[in-house]
Amino acid sequence: QVQLVESGGGLVQAGGSLRLSCAASGRTFSSYIMGWFRQAPGKEREFVAAIRWSDDNTYYKDSVKGRFTISRDNAKNTVYLQMNSLKPEDTAVYYCALRAADTVVGAYDYWGQGTQVTVSS
C-alpha cells in the first residue's frame, strides 16, 4: 500500500502563490508517475500536472502552463506543486496521486485525501 499526504492548501488572493506538498510512504515502485489533480464544486476532477520519477519529465494542463511547476525531492519522497499567479478559477480541492507505471496516460492507483485551495478575487 501507498500513503499520500497532501499539505499546503489555503486561502490566497488572486495573483498570489501557494506551494502544495505530497509526501509518499509505503510500498515502492521501480517506475511511477506522481500527479496532481483538482476538483472544483460541481465539476469533474481534472488533471493538473504530473512528473515521471524515472526521468523528471513533466506534463501540465494547458491552462496552468507557465504558472504551475511540479517538482520532486527524492530524499523526502515528496512531490511539490508550486502555483503562481493564481486565479479564482484555480479554486478547487487538489489531490495528489500515484500511478504505478511509466506512462502518463492511464488510471492512477493511489490518491491522497486532498487539500483545499481557495483563490479570492
PDB file of N, CA and C in Angstrom:
ATOM      1  N   GLN A   1       0.824  -1.188   0.000  1.00  0.00           N
ATOM      2  CA  GLN A   1       0.000   0.000   0.000  1.00  0.00           C
ATOM      3  C   GLN A   1       0.867   1.250   0.000  1.00  0.00           C
ATOM      4  N   VAL A   2       0.300   2.309  -0.484  1.00  0.00           N
ATOM      5  CA  VAL A   2       0.977   3.598  -0.529  1.00  0.00           C
ATOM      6  C   VAL A   2       0.103   4.620   0.179  1.00  0.00           C
ATOM      7  N   GLN A   3       0.731   5.457   0.979  1.00  0.00           N
ATOM      8  CA  GLN A   3       0.020   6.554   1.622  1.00  0.00           C
ATOM      9  C   GLN A   3       0.535   7.866   1.034  1.00  0.00           C
ATOM     10  N   LEU A   4      -0.403   8.722   0.685  1.00  0.00           N
ATOM     11  CA  LEU A   4      -0.077  10.041   0.141  1.00  0.00           C
ATOM     12  C   LEU A   4      -0.739  11.087   1.030  1.00  0.00           C
ATOM     13  N   VAL A   5       0.051  12.023   1.517  1.00  0.00           N
ATOM     14  CA  VAL A   5      -0.468  13.049   2.415  1.00  0.00           C
ATOM     15  C   VAL A   5      -0.139  14.422   1.841  1.00  0.00           C
ATOM     16  N   GLU A   6      -1.190  15.157   1.482  1.00  0.00           N
ATOM     17  CA  GLU A   6      -1.004  16.499   0.928  1.00  0.00           C
ATOM     18  C   GLU A   6      -1.009  17.547   2.036  1.00  0.00           C
ATOM     19  N   SER A   7      -0.361  18.654   1.755  1.00  0.00           N
ATOM     20  CA  SER A   7      -0.400  19.810   2.648  1.00  0.00           C
ATOM     21  C   SER A   7      -0.119  21.056   1.827  1.00  0.00           C
ATOM     22  N   GLY A   8      -0.387  22.208   2.435  1.00  0.00           N
ATOM     23  CA  GLY A   8      -0.031  23.466   1.794  1.00  0.00           C
ATOM     24  C   GLY A   8      -1.176  24.253   1.197  1.00  0.00           C
ATOM     25  N   GLY A   9      -2.381  23.705   1.237  1.00  0.00           N
ATOM     26  CA  GLY A   9      -3.510  24.457   0.700  1.00  0.00           C
ATOM     27  C   GLY A   9      -3.860  25.633   1.598  1.00  0.00           C
ATOM     28  N   GLY A  10      -4.777  26.465   1.121  1.00  0.00           N
ATOM     29  CA  GLY A  10      -5.189  27.607   1.914  1.00  0.00           C
ATOM     30  C   GLY A  10      -5.924  28.626   1.083  1.00  0.00           C
ATOM     31  N   LEU A  11      -6.087  29.810   1.678  1.00  0.00           N
ATOM     32  CA  LEU A  11      -6.777  30.923   1.031  1.00  0.00           C
ATOM     33  C   LEU A  11      -5.742  31.948   0.591  1.00  0.00           C
ATOM     34  N   VAL A  12      -5.837  32.376  -0.659  1.00  0.00           N
ATOM     35  CA  VAL A  12      -4.886  33.343  -1.188  1.00  0.00           C
ATOM     36  C   VAL A  12      -5.632  34.282  -2.131  1.00  0.00           C
ATOM     37  N   GLN A  13      -5.143  35.482  -2.255  1.00  0.00           N
ATOM     38  CA  GLN A  13      -5.743  36.430  -3.195  1.00  0.00           C
ATOM     39  C   GLN A  13      -5.278  36.140  -4.617  1.00  0.00           C
ATOM     40  N   ALA A  14      -6.083  36.547  -5.560  1.00  0.00           N
ATOM     41  CA  ALA A  14      -5.713  36.393  -6.959  1.00  0.00           C
ATOM     42  C   ALA A  14      -4.352  37.045  -7.209  1.00  0.00           C
ATOM     43  N   GLY A  15      -3.527  36.340  -7.974  1.00  0.00           N
ATOM     44  CA  GLY A  15      -2.175  36.819  -8.227  1.00  0.00           C
ATOM     45  C   GLY A  15      -1.155  36.282  -7.247  1.00  0.00           C
ATOM     46  N   GLY A  16      -1.623  35.675  -6.173  1.00  0.00           N
ATOM     47  CA  GLY A  16      -0.725  35.147  -5.168  1.00  0.00           C
ATOM     48  C   GLY A  16      -0.194  33.771  -5.503  1.00  0.00           C
ATOM     49  N   SER A  17       0.540  33.190  -4.546  1.00  0.00           N
ATOM     50  CA  SER A  17       1.196  31.901  -4.755  1.00  0.00           C
ATOM     51  C   SER A  17       0.932  30.967  -3.586  1.00  0.00           C
ATOM     52  N   LEU A  18       0.958  29.694  -3.881  1.00  0.00           N
ATOM     53  CA  LEU A  18       0.911  28.640  -2.872  1.00  0.00           C
ATOM     54  C   LEU A  18       1.791  27.498  -3.347  1.00  0.00           C
ATOM     55  N   ARG A  19       2.329  26.741  -2.384  1.00  0.00           N
ATOM     56  CA  ARG A  19       3.057  25.527  -2.738  1.00  0.00           C
ATOM     57  C   ARG A  19       2.423  24.355  -2.021  1.00  0.00           C
ATOM     58  N   LEU A  20       1.985  23.394  -2.809  1.00  0.00           N
ATOM     59  CA  LEU A  20       1.424  22.167  -2.264  1.00  0.00           C
ATOM     60  C   LEU A  20       2.525  21.114  -2.161  1.00  0.00           C
ATOM     61  N   SER A  21       2.429  20.295  -1.129  1.00  0.00           N
ATOM     62  CA  SER A  21       3.363  19.194  -0.940  1.00  0.00           C
ATOM     63  C   SER A  21       2.586  17.892  -0.836  1.00  0.00           C
ATOM     64  N   CYS A  22       3.221  16.820  -1.288  1.00  0.00           N
ATOM     65  CA  CYS A  22       2.616  15.495  -1.171  1.00  0.00           C
ATOM     66  C   CYS A  22       3.715  14.527  -0.766  1.00  0.00           C
ATOM     67  N   ALA A  23       3.617  14.025   0.465  1.00  0.00           N
ATOM     68  CA  ALA A  23       4.598  13.081   0.974  1.00  0.00           C
ATOM     69  C   ALA A  23       4.088  11.659   0.763  1.00  0.00           C
ATOM     70  N   ALA A  24       4.930  10.835   0.147  1.00  0.00           N
ATOM     71  CA  ALA A  24       4.557   9.444  -0.133  1.00  0.00           C
ATOM     72  C   ALA A  24       5.291   8.504   0.802  1.00  0.00           C
ATOM     73  N   SER A  25       4.590   7.466   1.240  1.00  0.00           N
ATOM     74  CA  SER A  25       5.216   6.438   2.079  1.00  0.00           C
ATOM     75  C   SER A  25       4.585   5.096   1.764  1.00  0.00           C
ATOM     76  N   GLY A  26       5.283   4.036   2.188  1.00  0.00           N
ATOM     77  CA  GLY A  26       4.764   2.697   1.962  1.00  0.00           C
ATOM     78  C   GLY A  26       5.513   1.985   0.856  1.00  0.00           C
ATOM     79  N   ARG A  27       4.795   1.258   0.059  1.00  0.00           N
ATOM     80  CA  ARG A  27       5.369   0.447  -1.000  1.00  0.00           C
ATOM     81  C   ARG A  27       6.127   1.299  -2.012  1.00  0.00           C
ATOM     82  N   THR A  28       7.206   0.758  -2.540  1.00  0.00           N
ATOM     83  CA  THR A  28       7.966   1.469  -3.556  1.00  0.00           C
ATOM     84  C   THR A  28       7.791   0.772  -4.908  1.00  0.00           C
ATOM     85  N   PHE A  29       8.057   1.516  -5.972  1.00  0.00           N
ATOM     86  CA  PHE A  29       7.924   1.018  -7.326  1.00  0.00           C
ATOM     87  C   PHE A  29       9.170   1.377  -8.128  1.00  0.00           C
ATOM     88  N   SER A  30       9.469   0.577  -9.116  1.00  0.00           N
ATOM     89  CA  SER A  30      10.647   0.858  -9.933  1.00  0.00           C
ATOM     90  C   SER A  30      10.381   2.011 -10.893  1.00  0.00           C
ATOM     91  N   SER A  31       9.163   2.184 -11.308  1.00  0.00           N
ATOM     92  CA  SER A  31       8.827   3.301 -12.182  1.00  0.00           C
ATOM     93  C   SER A  31       7.414   3.754 -11.863  1.00  0.00           C
ATOM     94  N   TYR A  32       7.246   5.052 -11.780  1.00  0.00           N
ATOM     95  CA  TYR A  32       5.921   5.558 -11.477  1.00  0.00           C
ATOM     96  C   TYR A  32       5.793   7.027 -11.835  1.00  0.00           C
ATOM     97  N   ILE A  33       4.570   7.467 -11.842  1.00  0.00           N
ATOM     98  CA  ILE A  33       4.212   8.844 -12.139  1.00  0.00           C
ATOM     99  C   ILE A  33       3.548   9.423 -10.894  1.00  0.00           C
ATOM    100  N   MET A  34       3.895  10.629 -10.541  1.00  0.00           N
ATOM    101  CA  MET A  34       3.193  11.350  -9.478  1.00  0.00           C
ATOM    102  C   MET A  34       2.438  12.498 -10.142  1.00  0.00           C
ATOM    103  N   GLY A  35       1.191  12.626  -9.794  1.00  0.00           N
ATOM    104  CA  GLY A  35       0.375  13.650 -10.435  1.00  0.00           C
ATOM    105  C   GLY A  35      -0.415  14.481  -9.445  1.00  0.00           C
ATOM    106  N   TRP A  36      -0.841  15.624  -9.916  1.00  0.00           N
ATOM    107  CA  TRP A  36      -1.761  16.485  -9.178  1.00  0.00           C
ATOM    108  C   TRP A  36      -3.041  16.637  -9.999  1.00  0.00           C
ATOM    109  N   PHE A  37      -4.157  16.493  -9.319  1.00  0.00           N
ATOM    110  CA  PHE A  37      -5.471  16.672  -9.921  1.00  0.00           C
ATOM    111  C   PHE A  37      -6.238  17.683  -9.069  1.00  0.00           C
ATOM    112  N   ARG A  38      -7.321  18.200  -9.602  1.00  0.00           N
ATOM    113  CA  ARG A  38      -8.150  19.100  -8.811  1.00  0.00           C
ATOM    114  C   ARG A  38      -9.618  18.904  -9.169  1.00  0.00           C
ATOM    115  N   GLN A  39     -10.458  19.242  -8.208  1.00  0.00           N
ATOM    116  CA  GLN A  39     -11.900  19.151  -8.426  1.00  0.00           C
ATOM    117  C   GLN A  39     -12.563  20.360  -7.812  1.00  0.00           C
ATOM    118  N   ALA A  40     -13.200  21.148  -8.661  1.00  0.00           N
ATOM    119  CA  ALA A  40     -13.955  22.310  -8.212  1.00  0.00           C
ATOM    120  C   ALA A  40     -15.393  21.895  -7.933  1.00  0.00           C
ATOM    121  N   PRO A  41     -16.106  22.644  -7.115  1.00  0.00           N
ATOM    122  CA  PRO A  41     -17.501  22.291  -6.798  1.00  0.00           C
ATOM    123  C   PRO A  41     -18.352  22.161  -8.058  1.00  0.00           C
ATOM    124  N   GLY A  42     -19.057  21.050  -8.174  1.00  0.00           N
ATOM    125  CA  GLY A  42     -19.941  20.834  -9.305  1.00  0.00           C
ATOM    126  C   GLY A  42     -19.246  20.453 -10.596  1.00  0.00           C
ATOM    127  N   LYS A  43     -17.939  20.229 -10.530  1.00  0.00           N
ATOM    128  CA  LYS A  43     -17.194  19.877 -11.748  1.00  0.00           C
ATOM    129  C   LYS A  43     -16.500  18.539 -11.596  1.00  0.00           C
ATOM    130  N   GLU A  44     -16.102  17.984 -12.736  1.00  0.00           N
ATOM    131  CA  GLU A  44     -15.360  16.733 -12.735  1.00  0.00           C
ATOM    132  C   GLU A  44     -13.925  16.976 -12.247  1.00  0.00           C
ATOM    133  N   ARG A  45     -13.335  15.954 -11.691  1.00  0.00           N
ATOM    134  CA  ARG A  45     -11.926  16.045 -11.331  1.00  0.00           C
ATOM    135  C   ARG A  45     -11.109  16.137 -12.616  1.00  0.00           C
ATOM    136  N   GLU A  46     -10.069  16.976 -12.600  1.00  0.00           N
ATOM    137  CA  GLU A  46      -9.264  17.173 -13.802  1.00  0.00           C
ATOM    138  C   GLU A  46      -7.777  17.080 -13.503  1.00  0.00           C
ATOM    139  N   PHE A  47      -7.045  16.674 -14.499  1.00  0.00           N
ATOM    140  CA  PHE A  47      -5.588  16.591 -14.412  1.00  0.00           C
ATOM    141  C   PHE A  47      -5.001  17.991 -14.366  1.00  0.00           C
ATOM    142  N   VAL A  48      -3.965  18.160 -13.550  1.00  0.00           N
ATOM    143  CA  VAL A  48      -3.281  19.455 -13.466  1.00  0.00           C
ATOM    144  C   VAL A  48      -1.826  19.333 -13.919  1.00  0.00           C
ATOM    145  N   ALA A  49      -1.103  18.377 -13.338  1.00  0.00           N
ATOM    146  CA  ALA A  49       0.317  18.239 -13.651  1.00  0.00           C
ATOM    147  C   ALA A  49       0.783  16.865 -13.221  1.00  0.00           C
ATOM    148  N   ALA A  50       1.890  16.414 -13.832  1.00  0.00           N
ATOM    149  CA  ALA A  50       2.467  15.125 -13.458  1.00  0.00           C
ATOM    150  C   ALA A  50       3.964  15.152 -13.697  1.00  0.00           C
ATOM    151  N   ILE A  51       4.655  14.276 -12.991  1.00  0.00           N
ATOM    152  CA  ILE A  51       6.091  14.131 -13.163  1.00  0.00           C
ATOM    153  C   ILE A  51       6.431  12.649 -13.174  1.00  0.00           C
ATOM    154  N   ARG A  52       7.276  12.261 -14.110  1.00  0.00           N
ATOM    155  CA  ARG A  52       7.693  10.860 -14.186  1.00  0.00           C
ATOM    156  C   ARG A  52       8.980  10.730 -13.378  1.00  0.00           C
ATOM    157  N   TRP A  53       8.939   9.849 -12.411  1.00  0.00           N
ATOM    158  CA  TRP A  53      10.047   9.734 -11.458  1.00  0.00           C
ATOM    159  C   TRP A  53      11.344   9.291 -12.121  1.00  0.00           C
ATOM    160  N   SER A  54      11.268   8.493 -13.206  1.00  0.00           N
ATOM    161  CA  SER A  54      12.471   7.923 -13.802  1.00  0.00           C
ATOM    162  C   SER A  54      13.318   8.943 -14.551  1.00  0.00           C
ATOM    163  N   ASP A  55      12.688   9.966 -15.121  1.00  0.00           N
ATOM    164  CA  ASP A  55      13.461  10.909 -15.931  1.00  0.00           C
ATOM    165  C   ASP A  55      13.077  12.379 -15.700  1.00  0.00           C
ATOM    166  N   ASP A  56      12.240  12.643 -14.725  1.00  0.00           N
ATOM    167  CA  ASP A  56      11.842  14.020 -14.389  1.00  0.00           C
ATOM    168  C   ASP A  56      11.016  14.712 -15.465  1.00  0.00           C
ATOM    169  N   ASN A  57      10.567  13.982 -16.458  1.00  0.00           N
ATOM    170  CA  ASN A  57       9.697  14.611 -17.450  1.00  0.00           C
ATOM    171  C   ASN A  57       8.432  15.122 -16.763  1.00  0.00           C
ATOM    172  N   THR A  58       7.982  16.295 -17.158  1.00  0.00           N
ATOM    173  CA  THR A  58       6.799  16.900 -16.550  1.00  0.00           C
ATOM    174  C   THR A  58       5.728  17.160 -17.598  1.00  0.00           C
ATOM    175  N   TYR A  59       4.503  17.195 -17.129  1.00  0.00           N
ATOM    176  CA  TYR A  59       3.346  17.345 -18.008  1.00  0.00           C
ATOM    177  C   TYR A  59       2.361  18.275 -17.297  1.00  0.00           C
ATOM    178  N   TYR A  60       1.709  19.146 -18.082  1.00  0.00           N
ATOM    179  CA  TYR A  60       0.812  20.141 -17.485  1.00  0.00           C
ATOM    180  C   TYR A  60      -0.476  20.299 -18.274  1.00  0.00           C
ATOM    181  N   LYS A  61      -1.522  20.630 -17.559  1.00  0.00           N
ATOM    182  CA  LYS A  61      -2.754  21.103 -18.187  1.00  0.00           C
ATOM    183  C   LYS A  61      -2.437  22.454 -18.828  1.00  0.00           C
ATOM    184  N   ASP A  62      -3.002  22.675 -20.014  1.00  0.00           N
ATOM    185  CA  ASP A  62      -2.660  23.891 -20.757  1.00  0.00           C
ATOM    186  C   ASP A  62      -2.887  25.163 -19.944  1.00  0.00           C
ATOM    187  N   SER A  63      -3.973  25.207 -19.190  1.00  0.00           N
ATOM    188  CA  SER A  63      -4.319  26.454 -18.506  1.00  0.00           C
ATOM    189  C   SER A  63      -3.397  26.782 -17.332  1.00  0.00           C
ATOM    190  N   VAL A  64      -2.525  25.858 -16.930  1.00  0.00           N
ATOM    191  CA  VAL A  64      -1.620  26.142 -15.820  1.00  0.00           C
ATOM    192  C   VAL A  64      -0.176  26.256 -16.272  1.00  0.00           C
ATOM    193  N   LYS A  65       0.087  25.974 -17.545  1.00  0.00           N
ATOM    194  CA  LYS A  65       1.456  26.078 -18.055  1.00  0.00           C
ATOM    195  C   LYS A  65       1.973  27.500 -17.868  1.00  0.00           C
ATOM    196  N   GLY A  66       3.203  27.586 -17.385  1.00  0.00           N
ATOM    197  CA  GLY A  66       3.805  28.893 -17.142  1.00  0.00           C
ATOM    198  C   GLY A  66       3.467  29.474 -15.785  1.00  0.00           C
ATOM    199  N   ARG A  67       2.485  28.898 -15.106  1.00  0.00           N
ATOM    200  CA  ARG A  67       2.108  29.383 -13.770  1.00  0.00           C
ATOM    201  C   ARG A  67       2.406  28.344 -12.686  1.00  0.00           C
ATOM    202  N   PHE A  68       2.212  27.074 -12.999  1.00  0.00           N
ATOM    203  CA  PHE A  68       2.423  25.999 -12.027  1.00  0.00           C
ATOM    204  C   PHE A  68       3.694  25.233 -12.390  1.00  0.00           C
ATOM    205  N   THR A  69       4.384  24.753 -11.376  1.00  0.00           N
ATOM    206  CA  THR A  69       5.565  23.925 -11.584  1.00  0.00           C
ATOM    207  C   THR A  69       5.507  22.723 -10.654  1.00  0.00           C
ATOM    208  N   ILE A  70       5.636  21.540 -11.230  1.00  0.00           N
ATOM    209  CA  ILE A  70       5.697  20.309 -10.432  1.00  0.00           C
ATOM    210  C   ILE A  70       7.160  19.910 -10.292  1.00  0.00           C
ATOM    211  N   SER A  71       7.523  19.491  -9.096  1.00  0.00           N
ATOM    212  CA  SER A  71       8.901  19.066  -8.849  1.00  0.00           C
ATOM    213  C   SER A  71       8.896  17.980  -7.789  1.00  0.00           C
ATOM    214  N   ARG A  72      10.063  17.395  -7.564  1.00  0.00           N
ATOM    215  CA  ARG A  72      10.132  16.308  -6.598  1.00  0.00           C
ATOM    216  C   ARG A  72      11.411  16.393  -5.787  1.00  0.00           C
ATOM    217  N   ASP A  73      11.357  15.762  -4.626  1.00  0.00           N
ATOM    218  CA  ASP A  73      12.529  15.601  -3.767  1.00  0.00           C
ATOM    219  C   ASP A  73      12.643  14.117  -3.474  1.00  0.00           C
ATOM    220  N   ASN A  74      13.621  13.467  -4.119  1.00  0.00           N
ATOM    221  CA  ASN A  74      13.788  12.025  -3.956  1.00  0.00           C
ATOM    222  C   ASN A  74      14.015  11.623  -2.510  1.00  0.00           C
ATOM    223  N   ALA A  75      14.883  12.368  -1.842  1.00  0.00           N
ATOM    224  CA  ALA A  75      15.273  12.015  -0.480  1.00  0.00           C
ATOM    225  C   ALA A  75      14.082  12.039   0.467  1.00  0.00           C
ATOM    226  N   LYS A  76      13.122  12.914   0.182  1.00  0.00           N
ATOM    227  CA  LYS A  76      11.954  13.050   1.060  1.00  0.00           C
ATOM    228  C   LYS A  76      10.742  12.324   0.512  1.00  0.00           C
ATOM    229  N   ASN A  77      10.871  11.687  -0.664  1.00  0.00           N
ATOM    230  CA  ASN A  77       9.720  11.038  -1.308  1.00  0.00           C
ATOM    231  C   ASN A  77       8.536  11.991  -1.378  1.00  0.00           C
ATOM    232  N   THR A  78       8.829  13.191  -1.793  1.00  0.00           N
ATOM    233  CA  THR A  78       7.814  14.245  -1.800  1.00  0.00           C
ATOM    234  C   THR A  78       7.745  14.902  -3.173  1.00  0.00           C
ATOM    235  N   VAL A  79       6.527  15.190  -3.586  1.00  0.00           N
ATOM    236  CA  VAL A  79       6.308  15.930  -4.824  1.00  0.00           C
ATOM    237  C   VAL A  79       5.650  17.256  -4.463  1.00  0.00           C
ATOM    238  N   TYR A  80       6.009  18.293  -5.192  1.00  0.00           N
ATOM    239  CA  TYR A  80       5.510  19.636  -4.913  1.00  0.00           C
ATOM    240  C   TYR A  80       4.759  20.187  -6.118  1.00  0.00           C
ATOM    241  N   LEU A  81       3.859  21.092  -5.843  1.00  0.00           N
ATOM    242  CA  LEU A  81       3.213  21.850  -6.907  1.00  0.00           C
ATOM    243  C   LEU A  81       3.295  23.322  -6.516  1.00  0.00           C
ATOM    244  N   GLN A  82       4.193  24.039  -7.169  1.00  0.00           N
ATOM    245  CA  GLN A  82       4.313  25.476  -6.942  1.00  0.00           C
ATOM    246  C   GLN A  82       3.310  26.175  -7.853  1.00  0.00           C
ATOM    247  N   MET A  83       2.430  26.941  -7.248  1.00  0.00           N
ATOM    248  CA  MET A  83       1.366  27.601  -8.001  1.00  0.00           C
ATOM    249  C   MET A  83       1.537  29.104  -7.876  1.00  0.00           C
ATOM    250  N   ASN A  84       1.816  29.757  -8.979  1.00  0.00           N
ATOM    251  CA  ASN A  84       1.990  31.208  -9.016  1.00  0.00           C
ATOM    252  C   ASN A  84       0.884  31.840  -9.856  1.00  0.00           C
ATOM    253  N   SER A  85       0.742  33.147  -9.712  1.00  0.00           N
ATOM    254  CA  SER A  85      -0.269  33.892 -10.481  1.00  0.00           C
ATOM    255  C   SER A  85      -1.631  33.214 -10.407  1.00  0.00           C
ATOM    256  N   LEU A  86      -2.017  32.861  -9.207  1.00  0.00           N
ATOM    257  CA  LEU A  86      -3.263  32.122  -9.024  1.00  0.00           C
ATOM    258  C   LEU A  86      -4.477  32.956  -9.429  1.00  0.00           C
ATOM    259  N   LYS A  87      -5.465  32.249  -9.962  1.00  0.00           N
ATOM    260  CA  LYS A  87      -6.704  32.872 -10.425  1.00  0.00           C
ATOM    261  C   LYS A  87      -7.881  32.270  -9.672  1.00  0.00           C
ATOM    262  N   PRO A  88      -8.982  32.992  -9.567  1.00  0.00           N
ATOM    263  CA  PRO A  88     -10.151  32.423  -8.880  1.00  0.00           C
ATOM    264  C   PRO A  88     -10.584  31.080  -9.471  1.00  0.00           C
ATOM    265  N   GLU A  89     -10.387  30.887 -10.756  1.00  0.00           N
ATOM    266  CA  GLU A  89     -10.770  29.615 -11.372  1.00  0.00           C
ATOM    267  C   GLU A  89      -9.856  28.453 -10.991  1.00  0.00           C
ATOM    268  N   ASP A  90      -8.781  28.730 -10.274  1.00  0.00           N
ATOM    269  CA  ASP A  90      -7.927  27.662  -9.747  1.00  0.00           C
ATOM    270  C   ASP A  90      -8.475  27.107  -8.434  1.00  0.00           C
ATOM    271  N   THR A  91      -9.505  27.725  -7.913  1.00  0.00           N
ATOM    272  CA  THR A  91     -10.110  27.257  -6.662  1.00  0.00           C
ATOM    273  C   THR A  91     -10.646  25.842  -6.821  1.00  0.00           C
ATOM    274  N   ALA A  92     -10.202  24.955  -5.943  1.00  0.00           N
ATOM    275  CA  ALA A  92     -10.598  23.541  -6.018  1.00  0.00           C
ATOM    276  C   ALA A  92      -9.959  22.785  -4.865  1.00  0.00           C
ATOM    277  N   VAL A  93     -10.387  21.545  -4.710  1.00  0.00           N
ATOM    278  CA  VAL A  93      -9.655  20.619  -3.852  1.00  0.00           C
ATOM    279  C   VAL A  93      -8.590  19.963  -4.735  1.00  0.00           C
ATOM    280  N   TYR A  94      -7.353  20.018  -4.283  1.00  0.00           N
ATOM    281  CA  TYR A  94      -6.238  19.467  -5.046  1.00  0.00           C
ATOM    282  C   TYR A  94      -5.836  18.123  -4.450  1.00  0.00           C
ATOM    283  N   TYR A  95      -5.688  17.151  -5.328  1.00  0.00           N
ATOM    284  CA  TYR A  95      -5.344  15.797  -4.931  1.00  0.00           C
ATOM    285  C   TYR A  95      -4.002  15.386  -5.522  1.00  0.00           C
ATOM    286  N   CYS A  96      -3.238  14.711  -4.717  1.00  0.00           N
ATOM    287  CA  CYS A  96      -2.005  14.071  -5.175  1.00  0.00           C
ATOM    288  C   CYS A  96      -2.339  12.614  -5.502  1.00  0.00           C
ATOM    289  N   ALA A  97      -1.695  12.075  -6.526  1.00  0.00           N
ATOM    290  CA  ALA A  97      -1.964  10.693  -6.916  1.00  0.00           C
ATOM    291  C   ALA A  97      -0.705  10.037  -7.457  1.00  0.00           C
ATOM    292  N   LEU A  98      -0.676   8.735  -7.365  1.00  0.00           N
ATOM    293  CA  LEU A  98       0.457   7.951  -7.864  1.00  0.00           C
ATOM    294  C   LEU A  98      -0.040   6.901  -8.853  1.00  0.00           C
ATOM    295  N   ARG A  99       0.652   6.838  -9.958  1.00  0.00           N
ATOM    296  CA  ARG A  99       0.351   5.822 -10.970  1.00  0.00           C
ATOM    297  C   ARG A  99       1.549   4.897 -11.048  1.00  0.00           C
ATOM    298  N   ALA A 100       1.322   3.597 -10.775  1.00  0.00           N
ATOM    299  CA  ALA A 100       2.415   2.617 -10.720  1.00  0.00           C
ATOM    300  C   ALA A 100       2.732   2.120 -12.121  1.00  0.00           C
ATOM    301  N   ALA A 101       3.170   3.027 -12.967  1.00  0.00           N
ATOM    302  CA  ALA A 101       3.570   2.694 -14.341  1.00  0.00           C
ATOM    303  C   ALA A 101       4.411   3.855 -14.842  1.00  0.00           C
ATOM    304  N   ASP A 102       5.034   3.664 -15.999  1.00  0.00           N
ATOM    305  CA  ASP A 102       5.939   4.688 -16.516  1.00  0.00           C
ATOM    306  C   ASP A 102       5.288   5.568 -17.572  1.00  0.00           C
ATOM    307  N   THR A 103       4.031   5.303 -17.863  1.00  0.00           N
ATOM    308  CA  THR A 103       3.333   6.102 -18.866  1.00  0.00           C
ATOM    309  C   THR A 103       2.369   7.052 -18.173  1.00  0.00           C
ATOM    310  N   VAL A 104       2.250   8.245 -18.703  1.00  0.00           N
ATOM    311  CA  VAL A 104       1.436   9.275 -18.053  1.00  0.00           C
ATOM    312  C   VAL A 104      -0.053   8.996 -18.226  1.00  0.00           C
ATOM    313  N   VAL A 105      -0.428   8.476 -19.353  1.00  0.00           N
ATOM    314  CA  VAL A 105      -1.843   8.259 -19.639  1.00  0.00           C
ATOM    315  C   VAL A 105      -2.309   6.953 -19.003  1.00  0.00           C
ATOM    316  N   GLY A 106      -3.411   7.019 -18.275  1.00  0.00           N
ATOM    317  CA  GLY A 106      -3.937   5.829 -17.643  1.00  0.00           C
ATOM    318  C   GLY A 106      -4.407   6.128 -16.235  1.00  0.00           C
ATOM    319  N   ALA A 107      -4.979   5.123 -15.598  1.00  0.00           N
ATOM    320  CA  ALA A 107      -5.541   5.315 -14.268  1.00  0.00           C
ATOM    321  C   ALA A 107      -4.455   5.447 -13.210  1.00  0.00           C
ATOM    322  N   TYR A 108      -4.751   6.221 -12.201  1.00  0.00           N
ATOM    323  CA  TYR A 108      -3.852   6.357 -11.060  1.00  0.00           C
ATOM    324  C   TYR A 108      -4.290   5.379  -9.979  1.00  0.00           C
ATOM    325  N   ASP A 109      -3.319   4.840  -9.257  1.00  0.00           N
ATOM    326  CA  ASP A 109      -3.597   3.741  -8.340  1.00  0.00           C
ATOM    327  C   ASP A 109      -3.823   4.177  -6.898  1.00  0.00           C
ATOM    328  N   TYR A 110      -3.210   5.264  -6.510  1.00  0.00           N
ATOM    329  CA  TYR A 110      -3.308   5.713  -5.122  1.00  0.00           C
ATOM    330  C   TYR A 110      -3.586   7.207  -5.100  1.00  0.00           C
ATOM    331  N   TRP A 111      -4.383   7.618  -4.107  1.00  0.00           N
ATOM    332  CA  TRP A 111      -4.800   9.017  -4.013  1.00  0.00           C
ATOM    333  C   TRP A 111      -4.647   9.532  -2.589  1.00  0.00           C
ATOM    334  N   GLY A 112      -4.330  10.807  -2.482  1.00  0.00           N
ATOM    335  CA  GLY A 112      -4.325  11.457  -1.187  1.00  0.00           C
ATOM    336  C   GLY A 112      -5.719  11.916  -0.813  1.00  0.00           C
ATOM    337  N   GLN A 113      -5.811  12.559   0.339  1.00  0.00           N
ATOM    338  CA  GLN A 113      -7.109  12.952   0.857  1.00  0.00           C
ATOM    339  C   GLN A 113      -7.570  14.307   0.321  1.00  0.00           C
ATOM    340  N   GLY A 114      -6.671  15.047  -0.276  1.00  0.00           N
ATOM    341  CA  GLY A 114      -6.997  16.338  -0.870  1.00  0.00           C
ATOM    342  C   GLY A 114      -6.707  17.500   0.055  1.00  0.00           C
ATOM    343  N   THR A 115      -6.420  18.646  -0.552  1.00  0.00           N
ATOM    344  CA  THR A 115      -6.204  19.868   0.206  1.00  0.00           C
ATOM    345  C   THR A 115      -6.903  21.008  -0.528  1.00  0.00           C
ATOM    346  N   GLN A 116      -7.599  21.848   0.232  1.00  0.00           N
ATOM    347  CA  GLN A 116      -8.405  22.914  -0.375  1.00  0.00           C
ATOM    348  C   GLN A 116      -7.536  24.100  -0.739  1.00  0.00           C
ATOM    349  N   VAL A 117      -7.719  24.589  -1.965  1.00  0.00           N
ATOM    350  CA  VAL A 117      -7.100  25.830  -2.407  1.00  0.00           C
ATOM    351  C   VAL A 117      -8.226  26.783  -2.796  1.00  0.00           C
ATOM    352  N   THR A 118      -8.242  27.956  -2.179  1.00  0.00           N
ATOM    353  CA  THR A 118      -9.262  28.949  -2.478  1.00  0.00           C
ATOM    354  C   THR A 118      -8.575  30.242  -2.883  1.00  0.00           C
ATOM    355  N   VAL A 119      -8.932  30.742  -4.061  1.00  0.00           N
ATOM    356  CA  VAL A 119      -8.350  31.970  -4.574  1.00  0.00           C
ATOM    357  C   VAL A 119      -9.446  33.025  -4.636  1.00  0.00           C
ATOM    358  N   SER A 120      -9.267  34.074  -3.876  1.00  0.00           N
ATOM    359  CA  SER A 120     -10.279  35.147  -3.841  1.00  0.00           C
ATOM    360  C   SER A 120      -9.950  36.219  -4.871  1.00  0.00           C
ATOM    361  N   SER A 121     -11.010  36.811  -5.404  1.00  0.00           N
ATOM    362  CA  SER A 121     -10.808  37.848  -6.454  1.00  0.00           C
ATOM    363  C   SER A 121     -10.690  39.230  -5.844  1.00  0.00           C
TER     364      SER A 121
END
